[in-house]
N, C-alpha and C. Protein backbone atom coordinates (compact mmCIF):
# COMPACT_ATOMS: atom_id res chain seq x y z
N MET A 1 13.20 29.42 28.69
CA MET A 1 13.49 28.00 28.54
C MET A 1 14.77 27.82 27.71
N THR A 2 15.75 27.13 28.29
CA THR A 2 17.01 26.88 27.58
C THR A 2 16.77 25.88 26.46
N THR A 3 17.29 26.20 25.29
CA THR A 3 17.09 25.31 24.15
C THR A 3 18.41 24.77 23.63
N ILE A 4 18.36 23.58 23.06
CA ILE A 4 19.52 22.97 22.43
C ILE A 4 19.22 22.84 20.95
N THR A 5 20.11 23.35 20.12
CA THR A 5 19.87 23.32 18.69
C THR A 5 20.02 21.90 18.14
N ASN A 6 18.99 21.43 17.50
CA ASN A 6 19.00 20.10 16.91
C ASN A 6 17.94 20.10 15.81
N SER A 7 18.33 19.78 14.59
CA SER A 7 17.40 19.92 13.47
C SER A 7 16.17 19.02 13.62
N ALA A 8 16.35 17.81 14.15
CA ALA A 8 15.22 16.89 14.32
C ALA A 8 14.24 17.44 15.35
N ILE A 9 14.76 17.90 16.48
CA ILE A 9 13.90 18.47 17.52
C ILE A 9 13.24 19.75 17.02
N ASP A 10 14.00 20.58 16.32
CA ASP A 10 13.44 21.82 15.77
C ASP A 10 12.26 21.52 14.86
N SER A 11 12.38 20.49 14.06
CA SER A 11 11.30 20.11 13.14
C SER A 11 10.06 19.70 13.92
N LEU A 12 10.24 18.90 14.97
CA LEU A 12 9.10 18.45 15.78
C LEU A 12 8.43 19.62 16.50
N LEU A 13 9.23 20.55 16.97
CA LEU A 13 8.69 21.65 17.77
C LEU A 13 8.05 22.75 16.93
N THR A 14 8.32 22.76 15.63
CA THR A 14 7.77 23.83 14.79
C THR A 14 6.65 23.36 13.87
N ARG A 15 6.26 22.08 13.95
CA ARG A 15 5.19 21.59 13.09
C ARG A 15 3.87 22.25 13.42
N MET A 16 3.17 22.70 12.39
CA MET A 16 1.85 23.31 12.55
C MET A 16 0.93 22.73 11.48
N SER A 17 -0.35 22.61 11.80
CA SER A 17 -1.33 22.16 10.81
C SER A 17 -1.61 23.28 9.81
N HIS A 18 -1.90 22.88 8.57
CA HIS A 18 -2.16 23.85 7.50
C HIS A 18 -3.28 23.28 6.63
N PRO A 19 -4.48 23.88 6.66
CA PRO A 19 -5.63 23.30 5.95
C PRO A 19 -5.37 23.03 4.47
N GLY A 20 -5.95 21.93 4.00
CA GLY A 20 -5.81 21.58 2.58
C GLY A 20 -6.37 22.64 1.66
N SER A 21 -7.37 23.38 2.13
CA SER A 21 -7.98 24.44 1.32
C SER A 21 -7.01 25.58 1.06
N LEU A 22 -5.92 25.64 1.85
CA LEU A 22 -4.92 26.70 1.70
C LEU A 22 -3.60 26.14 1.16
N MET A 23 -3.68 25.01 0.46
CA MET A 23 -2.49 24.38 -0.11
C MET A 23 -2.45 24.53 -1.62
N THR A 24 -1.25 24.33 -2.13
CA THR A 24 -1.05 24.27 -3.58
C THR A 24 0.06 23.26 -3.84
N GLY A 25 0.41 23.04 -5.12
CA GLY A 25 1.46 22.11 -5.46
C GLY A 25 2.83 22.71 -5.28
N PRO A 26 3.85 21.88 -5.38
CA PRO A 26 3.77 20.46 -5.73
C PRO A 26 3.46 19.59 -4.52
N SER A 27 3.04 18.37 -4.82
CA SER A 27 2.89 17.37 -3.77
C SER A 27 4.24 16.68 -3.59
N PRO A 28 4.40 15.89 -2.55
CA PRO A 28 5.64 15.11 -2.41
C PRO A 28 5.87 14.21 -3.62
N THR A 29 7.11 14.07 -4.01
CA THR A 29 7.44 13.13 -5.07
C THR A 29 7.20 11.71 -4.55
N ASP A 30 7.21 10.74 -5.43
CA ASP A 30 7.02 9.36 -4.99
C ASP A 30 8.11 8.95 -4.00
N GLU A 31 9.33 9.39 -4.25
CA GLU A 31 10.42 9.07 -3.33
C GLU A 31 10.19 9.72 -1.96
N GLU A 32 9.76 10.98 -1.96
CA GLU A 32 9.48 11.66 -0.70
C GLU A 32 8.30 11.02 0.02
N LEU A 33 7.30 10.60 -0.74
CA LEU A 33 6.14 9.96 -0.13
C LEU A 33 6.54 8.65 0.54
N GLN A 34 7.47 7.93 -0.07
CA GLN A 34 7.97 6.71 0.55
C GLN A 34 8.67 7.01 1.87
N GLN A 35 9.40 8.12 1.92
CA GLN A 35 10.05 8.53 3.16
C GLN A 35 9.01 8.91 4.22
N ILE A 36 8.01 9.67 3.81
CA ILE A 36 6.97 10.12 4.74
C ILE A 36 6.21 8.94 5.32
N LEU A 37 5.78 8.03 4.45
CA LEU A 37 5.04 6.85 4.92
C LEU A 37 5.98 5.84 5.58
N GLY A 38 7.24 5.90 5.19
CA GLY A 38 8.24 5.04 5.85
C GLY A 38 8.43 5.42 7.30
N ALA A 39 8.34 6.72 7.59
CA ALA A 39 8.47 7.17 8.97
C ALA A 39 7.39 6.56 9.85
N ALA A 40 6.21 6.34 9.29
CA ALA A 40 5.11 5.74 10.05
C ALA A 40 5.46 4.34 10.52
N GLN A 41 6.33 3.65 9.80
CA GLN A 41 6.68 2.28 10.15
C GLN A 41 7.52 2.21 11.42
N ARG A 42 7.95 3.39 11.92
CA ARG A 42 8.77 3.42 13.14
C ARG A 42 7.94 3.77 14.36
N ALA A 43 6.63 3.74 14.23
CA ALA A 43 5.76 4.05 15.37
C ALA A 43 5.89 2.99 16.46
N ALA A 44 5.68 3.41 17.69
CA ALA A 44 5.64 2.45 18.80
C ALA A 44 4.52 1.44 18.51
N ASP A 45 4.86 0.15 18.58
CA ASP A 45 3.94 -0.86 18.07
C ASP A 45 4.08 -2.13 18.89
N HIS A 46 3.33 -2.24 19.96
CA HIS A 46 3.34 -3.42 20.83
C HIS A 46 2.92 -4.65 20.02
N GLY A 47 3.80 -5.62 19.96
CA GLY A 47 3.50 -6.85 19.23
C GLY A 47 3.88 -6.82 17.76
N ARG A 48 4.39 -5.68 17.30
CA ARG A 48 4.78 -5.53 15.88
C ARG A 48 3.66 -5.94 14.93
N LEU A 49 2.48 -5.47 15.21
CA LEU A 49 1.32 -5.82 14.39
C LEU A 49 1.16 -4.94 13.16
N ARG A 50 1.78 -3.77 13.19
CA ARG A 50 1.58 -2.77 12.13
C ARG A 50 0.08 -2.58 11.85
N PRO A 51 -0.68 -2.13 12.82
CA PRO A 51 -2.13 -2.02 12.64
C PRO A 51 -2.57 -0.77 11.88
N TRP A 52 -1.64 -0.04 11.30
CA TRP A 52 -1.98 1.14 10.52
C TRP A 52 -2.11 0.79 9.04
N ARG A 53 -2.94 1.54 8.35
CA ARG A 53 -3.10 1.42 6.91
C ARG A 53 -3.16 2.81 6.31
N PHE A 54 -2.48 3.01 5.19
CA PHE A 54 -2.48 4.29 4.49
C PHE A 54 -2.85 4.06 3.03
N ILE A 55 -3.81 4.82 2.56
CA ILE A 55 -4.29 4.71 1.18
C ILE A 55 -4.09 6.05 0.49
N VAL A 56 -3.30 6.06 -0.56
CA VAL A 56 -2.99 7.30 -1.27
C VAL A 56 -4.09 7.61 -2.28
N VAL A 57 -4.61 8.82 -2.23
CA VAL A 57 -5.65 9.27 -3.16
C VAL A 57 -5.05 10.37 -4.05
N ARG A 58 -4.92 10.09 -5.34
CA ARG A 58 -4.34 11.05 -6.28
C ARG A 58 -5.43 12.01 -6.79
N PRO A 59 -5.02 13.19 -7.24
CA PRO A 59 -5.99 14.20 -7.69
C PRO A 59 -6.97 13.72 -8.75
N GLU A 60 -6.52 12.83 -9.64
CA GLU A 60 -7.41 12.35 -10.69
C GLU A 60 -8.55 11.49 -10.13
N ARG A 61 -8.43 11.08 -8.86
CA ARG A 61 -9.48 10.30 -8.21
C ARG A 61 -10.31 11.14 -7.23
N TYR A 62 -9.95 12.39 -7.08
CA TYR A 62 -10.62 13.23 -6.07
C TYR A 62 -12.13 13.30 -6.25
N GLN A 63 -12.59 13.51 -7.48
CA GLN A 63 -14.02 13.74 -7.70
C GLN A 63 -14.86 12.59 -7.14
N GLU A 64 -14.50 11.38 -7.52
CA GLU A 64 -15.27 10.22 -7.06
C GLU A 64 -15.07 10.00 -5.57
N PHE A 65 -13.82 10.17 -5.09
CA PHE A 65 -13.54 9.93 -3.69
C PHE A 65 -14.34 10.88 -2.79
N PHE A 66 -14.32 12.17 -3.10
CA PHE A 66 -15.01 13.13 -2.25
C PHE A 66 -16.53 13.09 -2.44
N ASP A 67 -16.98 12.65 -3.61
CA ASP A 67 -18.42 12.38 -3.78
C ASP A 67 -18.85 11.33 -2.76
N ARG A 68 -18.07 10.27 -2.67
CA ARG A 68 -18.40 9.17 -1.77
C ARG A 68 -18.27 9.58 -0.31
N LEU A 69 -17.25 10.39 0.00
CA LEU A 69 -17.08 10.84 1.37
C LEU A 69 -18.22 11.76 1.79
N ALA A 70 -18.65 12.63 0.89
CA ALA A 70 -19.78 13.52 1.20
C ALA A 70 -21.05 12.70 1.42
N ALA A 71 -21.25 11.67 0.62
CA ALA A 71 -22.42 10.80 0.78
C ALA A 71 -22.35 10.06 2.11
N ALA A 72 -21.13 9.62 2.48
CA ALA A 72 -20.95 8.91 3.75
C ALA A 72 -21.29 9.81 4.93
N ALA A 73 -20.78 11.04 4.90
CA ALA A 73 -21.06 11.99 5.98
C ALA A 73 -22.55 12.25 6.08
N THR A 74 -23.20 12.36 4.93
CA THR A 74 -24.64 12.64 4.90
C THR A 74 -25.45 11.49 5.50
N ARG A 75 -25.03 10.26 5.22
CA ARG A 75 -25.73 9.10 5.79
C ARG A 75 -25.63 9.11 7.32
N VAL A 76 -24.46 9.41 7.82
CA VAL A 76 -24.27 9.44 9.28
C VAL A 76 -25.08 10.57 9.91
N GLN A 77 -25.13 11.70 9.24
CA GLN A 77 -25.87 12.85 9.77
C GLN A 77 -27.37 12.66 9.68
N GLY A 78 -27.81 11.78 8.78
CA GLY A 78 -29.23 11.45 8.70
C GLY A 78 -30.10 12.51 8.07
N ASP A 79 -29.48 13.44 7.33
CA ASP A 79 -30.24 14.53 6.69
C ASP A 79 -29.77 14.68 5.25
N PRO A 80 -30.56 14.20 4.28
CA PRO A 80 -30.15 14.27 2.87
C PRO A 80 -29.82 15.69 2.40
N ALA A 81 -30.41 16.68 3.04
CA ALA A 81 -30.15 18.07 2.65
C ALA A 81 -28.72 18.49 2.94
N ARG A 82 -28.01 17.71 3.77
CA ARG A 82 -26.64 18.05 4.12
C ARG A 82 -25.63 17.70 3.02
N TYR A 83 -26.05 16.89 2.04
CA TYR A 83 -25.09 16.42 1.04
C TYR A 83 -24.39 17.58 0.34
N ARG A 84 -25.15 18.57 -0.12
CA ARG A 84 -24.56 19.67 -0.87
C ARG A 84 -23.57 20.46 0.00
N ILE A 85 -23.94 20.62 1.26
CA ILE A 85 -23.05 21.34 2.18
C ILE A 85 -21.74 20.57 2.35
N ASN A 86 -21.87 19.27 2.55
CA ASN A 86 -20.68 18.43 2.71
C ASN A 86 -19.81 18.44 1.46
N ARG A 87 -20.46 18.33 0.30
CA ARG A 87 -19.67 18.26 -0.94
C ARG A 87 -18.97 19.58 -1.23
N ASP A 88 -19.63 20.69 -0.93
CA ASP A 88 -19.00 22.00 -1.15
C ASP A 88 -17.78 22.18 -0.24
N LYS A 89 -17.88 21.66 0.97
CA LYS A 89 -16.74 21.74 1.90
C LYS A 89 -15.54 20.98 1.35
N TYR A 90 -15.79 19.80 0.81
CA TYR A 90 -14.70 19.00 0.27
C TYR A 90 -14.16 19.57 -1.04
N GLU A 91 -14.95 20.39 -1.69
CA GLU A 91 -14.46 21.06 -2.91
C GLU A 91 -13.25 21.92 -2.58
N LEU A 92 -13.28 22.54 -1.40
CA LEU A 92 -12.14 23.35 -0.94
C LEU A 92 -10.96 22.45 -0.59
N THR A 93 -11.25 21.31 0.04
CA THR A 93 -10.20 20.37 0.41
C THR A 93 -9.45 19.85 -0.81
N GLN A 94 -10.13 19.77 -1.95
CA GLN A 94 -9.52 19.25 -3.16
C GLN A 94 -8.39 20.13 -3.70
N ARG A 95 -8.18 21.29 -3.09
CA ARG A 95 -7.04 22.11 -3.47
C ARG A 95 -5.72 21.47 -3.04
N ALA A 96 -5.78 20.60 -2.04
CA ALA A 96 -4.57 19.90 -1.60
C ALA A 96 -4.08 19.01 -2.73
N PRO A 97 -2.79 19.04 -3.04
CA PRO A 97 -2.29 18.25 -4.18
C PRO A 97 -2.20 16.75 -3.94
N LEU A 98 -2.35 16.31 -2.68
CA LEU A 98 -2.34 14.88 -2.40
C LEU A 98 -3.08 14.62 -1.10
N VAL A 99 -3.81 13.51 -1.06
CA VAL A 99 -4.53 13.11 0.15
C VAL A 99 -4.16 11.66 0.47
N VAL A 100 -3.94 11.40 1.75
CA VAL A 100 -3.64 10.04 2.21
C VAL A 100 -4.65 9.67 3.29
N VAL A 101 -5.35 8.57 3.09
CA VAL A 101 -6.29 8.07 4.09
C VAL A 101 -5.50 7.33 5.16
N ALA A 102 -5.81 7.61 6.43
CA ALA A 102 -5.16 6.93 7.56
C ALA A 102 -6.20 6.10 8.30
N ALA A 103 -5.85 4.84 8.56
CA ALA A 103 -6.81 3.95 9.22
C ALA A 103 -6.10 3.02 10.18
N ALA A 104 -6.89 2.44 11.09
CA ALA A 104 -6.39 1.45 12.04
C ALA A 104 -7.05 0.11 11.73
N LYS A 105 -6.25 -0.88 11.45
CA LYS A 105 -6.73 -2.22 11.13
C LYS A 105 -6.60 -3.07 12.39
N ILE A 106 -7.72 -3.34 13.03
CA ILE A 106 -7.71 -3.97 14.35
C ILE A 106 -7.99 -5.47 14.27
N ASP A 107 -7.16 -6.23 14.98
CA ASP A 107 -7.40 -7.67 15.14
C ASP A 107 -8.02 -7.87 16.52
N PRO A 108 -9.34 -8.03 16.60
CA PRO A 108 -10.00 -8.10 17.91
C PRO A 108 -9.68 -9.38 18.69
N HIS A 109 -9.08 -10.37 18.03
CA HIS A 109 -8.79 -11.65 18.67
C HIS A 109 -7.34 -11.76 19.14
N HIS A 110 -6.53 -10.75 18.83
CA HIS A 110 -5.11 -10.79 19.22
C HIS A 110 -4.97 -10.48 20.70
N LYS A 111 -3.91 -11.01 21.29
CA LYS A 111 -3.68 -10.76 22.73
C LYS A 111 -3.36 -9.29 23.01
N ILE A 112 -2.85 -8.57 22.00
CA ILE A 112 -2.63 -7.12 22.17
C ILE A 112 -3.99 -6.44 22.13
N ALA A 113 -4.31 -5.70 23.17
CA ALA A 113 -5.63 -5.07 23.28
C ALA A 113 -5.94 -4.20 22.07
N ALA A 114 -7.20 -4.20 21.66
CA ALA A 114 -7.62 -3.42 20.50
C ALA A 114 -7.28 -1.94 20.66
N ILE A 115 -7.41 -1.44 21.88
CA ILE A 115 -7.13 -0.02 22.08
C ILE A 115 -5.64 0.28 21.89
N GLU A 116 -4.77 -0.66 22.23
CA GLU A 116 -3.34 -0.47 21.99
C GLU A 116 -3.05 -0.47 20.49
N GLN A 117 -3.75 -1.30 19.76
CA GLN A 117 -3.58 -1.32 18.30
C GLN A 117 -4.00 0.02 17.70
N ALA A 118 -5.10 0.56 18.19
CA ALA A 118 -5.58 1.85 17.70
C ALA A 118 -4.60 2.96 18.05
N PHE A 119 -4.03 2.90 19.26
CA PHE A 119 -3.04 3.89 19.66
C PHE A 119 -1.82 3.85 18.73
N ALA A 120 -1.39 2.65 18.36
CA ALA A 120 -0.23 2.50 17.48
C ALA A 120 -0.50 3.13 16.12
N ALA A 121 -1.72 2.91 15.59
CA ALA A 121 -2.08 3.49 14.30
C ALA A 121 -2.14 5.02 14.37
N ALA A 122 -2.62 5.53 15.50
CA ALA A 122 -2.64 6.99 15.69
C ALA A 122 -1.22 7.54 15.76
N ALA A 123 -0.32 6.81 16.44
CA ALA A 123 1.07 7.25 16.52
C ALA A 123 1.72 7.26 15.14
N ALA A 124 1.41 6.25 14.33
CA ALA A 124 1.94 6.20 12.97
C ALA A 124 1.45 7.38 12.14
N THR A 125 0.19 7.74 12.34
CA THR A 125 -0.39 8.87 11.61
C THR A 125 0.32 10.17 11.99
N GLN A 126 0.61 10.35 13.27
CA GLN A 126 1.33 11.55 13.69
C GLN A 126 2.72 11.60 13.07
N LEU A 127 3.36 10.46 12.94
CA LEU A 127 4.69 10.43 12.31
C LEU A 127 4.63 10.84 10.85
N VAL A 128 3.54 10.54 10.18
CA VAL A 128 3.36 10.99 8.79
C VAL A 128 3.34 12.52 8.75
N LEU A 129 2.58 13.13 9.66
CA LEU A 129 2.51 14.59 9.72
C LEU A 129 3.89 15.19 10.01
N SER A 130 4.59 14.60 10.95
CA SER A 130 5.90 15.11 11.33
C SER A 130 6.93 14.94 10.21
N ALA A 131 6.89 13.80 9.54
CA ALA A 131 7.84 13.55 8.45
C ALA A 131 7.59 14.51 7.28
N ALA A 132 6.33 14.79 7.00
CA ALA A 132 6.02 15.74 5.93
C ALA A 132 6.61 17.10 6.25
N HIS A 133 6.47 17.52 7.50
CA HIS A 133 7.04 18.82 7.91
C HIS A 133 8.55 18.81 7.78
N ALA A 134 9.18 17.71 8.15
CA ALA A 134 10.63 17.61 8.06
C ALA A 134 11.12 17.76 6.62
N LEU A 135 10.27 17.37 5.66
CA LEU A 135 10.62 17.51 4.24
C LEU A 135 10.08 18.82 3.65
N ARG A 136 9.65 19.71 4.54
CA ARG A 136 9.19 21.06 4.16
C ARG A 136 7.87 21.06 3.38
N TYR A 137 7.02 20.11 3.72
CA TYR A 137 5.65 20.11 3.18
C TYR A 137 4.69 20.45 4.32
N LYS A 138 3.54 20.97 3.95
CA LYS A 138 2.49 21.21 4.92
C LYS A 138 1.60 19.97 4.98
N ALA A 139 1.03 19.73 6.14
CA ALA A 139 0.17 18.57 6.32
C ALA A 139 -1.01 18.94 7.22
N PHE A 140 -2.13 18.30 6.96
CA PHE A 140 -3.34 18.59 7.72
C PHE A 140 -4.17 17.32 7.83
N LEU A 141 -4.56 16.96 9.05
CA LEU A 141 -5.40 15.78 9.28
C LEU A 141 -6.81 16.24 9.60
N PHE A 142 -7.78 15.74 8.83
CA PHE A 142 -9.17 16.05 9.13
C PHE A 142 -9.99 14.76 9.13
N SER A 143 -11.15 14.82 9.76
CA SER A 143 -12.00 13.62 9.82
C SER A 143 -13.42 13.98 9.39
N GLY A 144 -14.34 14.10 10.33
CA GLY A 144 -15.73 14.39 9.98
C GLY A 144 -16.62 13.17 10.13
N ALA A 145 -17.90 13.38 9.92
CA ALA A 145 -18.90 12.32 10.14
C ALA A 145 -18.67 11.10 9.25
N GLY A 146 -18.11 11.29 8.07
CA GLY A 146 -17.94 10.19 7.12
C GLY A 146 -17.06 9.07 7.62
N VAL A 147 -16.17 9.35 8.60
CA VAL A 147 -15.27 8.29 9.08
C VAL A 147 -16.02 7.20 9.83
N PHE A 148 -17.28 7.47 10.21
CA PHE A 148 -18.06 6.50 10.97
C PHE A 148 -19.03 5.70 10.10
N ASP A 149 -19.02 5.97 8.81
CA ASP A 149 -19.96 5.30 7.91
C ASP A 149 -19.44 3.92 7.52
N ARG A 150 -20.22 2.88 7.82
CA ARG A 150 -19.79 1.51 7.56
C ARG A 150 -19.59 1.22 6.08
N GLU A 151 -20.49 1.75 5.26
CA GLU A 151 -20.40 1.50 3.82
C GLU A 151 -19.11 2.09 3.24
N PHE A 152 -18.80 3.32 3.64
CA PHE A 152 -17.59 3.98 3.14
C PHE A 152 -16.35 3.25 3.64
N LYS A 153 -16.36 2.86 4.92
CA LYS A 153 -15.24 2.12 5.48
C LYS A 153 -15.03 0.80 4.74
N ALA A 154 -16.13 0.10 4.46
CA ALA A 154 -16.03 -1.18 3.78
C ALA A 154 -15.42 -1.03 2.39
N ALA A 155 -15.74 0.08 1.71
CA ALA A 155 -15.19 0.33 0.38
C ALA A 155 -13.68 0.55 0.42
N LEU A 156 -13.19 0.91 1.60
CA LEU A 156 -11.74 1.11 1.79
C LEU A 156 -11.07 -0.14 2.36
N GLY A 157 -11.84 -1.22 2.46
CA GLY A 157 -11.28 -2.47 2.97
C GLY A 157 -11.24 -2.56 4.48
N LEU A 158 -12.07 -1.76 5.15
CA LEU A 158 -12.08 -1.73 6.61
C LEU A 158 -13.33 -2.43 7.14
N GLY A 159 -13.16 -3.20 8.21
CA GLY A 159 -14.27 -3.93 8.80
C GLY A 159 -14.86 -3.22 10.00
N GLU A 160 -15.78 -3.90 10.67
CA GLU A 160 -16.51 -3.28 11.77
C GLU A 160 -15.63 -2.97 12.96
N HIS A 161 -14.54 -3.68 13.14
CA HIS A 161 -13.64 -3.43 14.27
C HIS A 161 -12.56 -2.40 13.95
N ASP A 162 -12.46 -2.01 12.69
CA ASP A 162 -11.42 -1.08 12.25
C ASP A 162 -11.87 0.36 12.43
N HIS A 163 -10.90 1.27 12.41
CA HIS A 163 -11.18 2.69 12.58
C HIS A 163 -10.62 3.49 11.40
N LEU A 164 -11.42 4.38 10.90
CA LEU A 164 -10.96 5.33 9.89
C LEU A 164 -10.50 6.57 10.66
N ILE A 165 -9.19 6.75 10.77
CA ILE A 165 -8.65 7.84 11.58
C ILE A 165 -8.93 9.19 10.94
N GLY A 166 -8.71 9.28 9.63
CA GLY A 166 -8.96 10.54 8.95
C GLY A 166 -8.21 10.63 7.64
N PHE A 167 -8.07 11.85 7.15
CA PHE A 167 -7.53 12.10 5.82
C PHE A 167 -6.43 13.15 5.94
N ILE A 168 -5.26 12.83 5.42
CA ILE A 168 -4.11 13.72 5.53
C ILE A 168 -3.91 14.45 4.20
N CYS A 169 -4.00 15.77 4.25
CA CYS A 169 -3.70 16.60 3.07
C CYS A 169 -2.21 16.93 3.08
N LEU A 170 -1.57 16.84 1.92
CA LEU A 170 -0.15 17.14 1.79
C LEU A 170 0.08 18.11 0.65
N GLY A 171 0.94 19.09 0.87
CA GLY A 171 1.24 20.04 -0.19
C GLY A 171 2.09 21.19 0.31
N LYS A 172 2.11 22.25 -0.47
CA LYS A 172 2.84 23.47 -0.12
C LYS A 172 1.83 24.57 0.22
N PRO A 173 2.23 25.55 1.01
CA PRO A 173 1.29 26.62 1.35
C PRO A 173 0.98 27.51 0.15
N ALA A 174 -0.27 27.87 0.01
CA ALA A 174 -0.68 28.81 -1.04
C ALA A 174 -0.75 30.20 -0.41
N GLY A 175 0.25 31.02 -0.66
CA GLY A 175 0.28 32.35 -0.05
C GLY A 175 0.92 32.32 1.32
N SER A 176 0.70 33.37 2.08
CA SER A 176 1.31 33.51 3.38
C SER A 176 0.65 32.61 4.41
N GLU A 177 1.37 32.35 5.48
CA GLU A 177 0.85 31.52 6.55
C GLU A 177 -0.32 32.21 7.26
N LYS A 178 -1.27 31.42 7.76
CA LYS A 178 -2.37 32.00 8.51
C LYS A 178 -1.88 32.47 9.87
N GLY A 179 -2.56 33.46 10.43
CA GLY A 179 -2.18 33.98 11.73
C GLY A 179 -2.54 33.02 12.85
N GLY A 180 -2.08 33.35 14.05
CA GLY A 180 -2.37 32.50 15.20
C GLY A 180 -1.18 32.45 16.12
N PRO A 181 -1.31 31.75 17.24
CA PRO A 181 -0.21 31.64 18.19
C PRO A 181 1.03 31.02 17.54
N SER A 182 2.19 31.46 17.96
CA SER A 182 3.43 30.88 17.44
C SER A 182 3.62 29.49 18.03
N ALA A 183 4.51 28.72 17.40
CA ALA A 183 4.81 27.38 17.91
C ALA A 183 5.34 27.48 19.34
N GLU A 184 6.18 28.47 19.61
CA GLU A 184 6.75 28.65 20.95
C GLU A 184 5.65 28.92 21.98
N GLU A 185 4.68 29.76 21.62
CA GLU A 185 3.57 30.06 22.53
C GLU A 185 2.73 28.82 22.80
N MET A 186 2.46 28.04 21.76
CA MET A 186 1.64 26.84 21.93
C MET A 186 2.35 25.80 22.79
N ILE A 187 3.67 25.69 22.62
CA ILE A 187 4.44 24.74 23.44
C ILE A 187 4.43 25.17 24.89
N ARG A 188 4.68 26.44 25.13
CA ARG A 188 4.72 26.94 26.51
C ARG A 188 3.36 26.74 27.21
N GLU A 189 2.28 27.08 26.52
CA GLU A 189 0.94 26.92 27.09
C GLU A 189 0.61 25.45 27.29
N GLY A 190 0.99 24.63 26.31
CA GLY A 190 0.71 23.20 26.41
C GLY A 190 1.44 22.54 27.57
N LEU A 191 2.71 22.91 27.77
CA LEU A 191 3.47 22.34 28.88
C LEU A 191 2.83 22.69 30.21
N GLU A 192 2.38 23.92 30.33
CA GLU A 192 1.75 24.36 31.59
C GLU A 192 0.47 23.59 31.88
N LYS A 193 -0.29 23.25 30.85
CA LYS A 193 -1.59 22.61 31.04
C LYS A 193 -1.53 21.08 31.10
N THR A 194 -0.50 20.50 30.51
CA THR A 194 -0.55 19.04 30.34
C THR A 194 0.53 18.24 31.04
N VAL A 195 1.51 18.91 31.66
CA VAL A 195 2.64 18.18 32.27
C VAL A 195 2.65 18.42 33.78
N SER A 196 2.82 17.34 34.52
CA SER A 196 2.94 17.44 35.97
C SER A 196 3.91 16.37 36.45
N GLU A 197 4.28 16.45 37.70
CA GLU A 197 5.17 15.44 38.30
C GLU A 197 4.40 14.64 39.31
N TRP A 198 4.58 13.32 39.28
CA TRP A 198 3.89 12.46 40.23
C TRP A 198 4.53 12.58 41.60
N ARG A 199 3.69 12.67 42.58
CA ARG A 199 4.16 12.67 43.97
C ARG A 199 3.26 11.76 44.79
N PRO A 200 3.82 10.92 45.63
CA PRO A 200 3.01 10.00 46.44
C PRO A 200 2.21 10.75 47.50
């Protein structure tokens, strides 16, 4: 495949997820965070509704935040015995030096379809991941059962029509990169499986 050198394209083509459990500091500076979240404002957005919401969770708030998230996941799972398992999992996630909650704020009465609003918020979330990579930070989006818990969503200012997309971990890699297919391999395989040409 013939390639054209371009730093912006190179950044998009080399982005890889990196779990928060394998991150360390530093986190993005406030100025860098403004750039990262600013990139989200350029998402495709039919009607200019800006249906995305981002909530920054600092490390000093992690204990209470992940306690609540573990409780939310446990309520959805319907098994109180799962709480300890959920909380231990998030204990590893707390290694990430910064977490950003990503959500879709839906106006069900607007002429722009609710699903289009959700798509716009998802596009904005992807731009956050891409912008972090462009600034040489690692990023990881995770969700889990807790995103469906009404009580937890309400505590974040989200209503019944809104969606909690997930949680973005931001930081630097702790140690060497994990193994796996290269970005080039993933792109080649993805193109083969997902791209076709329309023919009548």
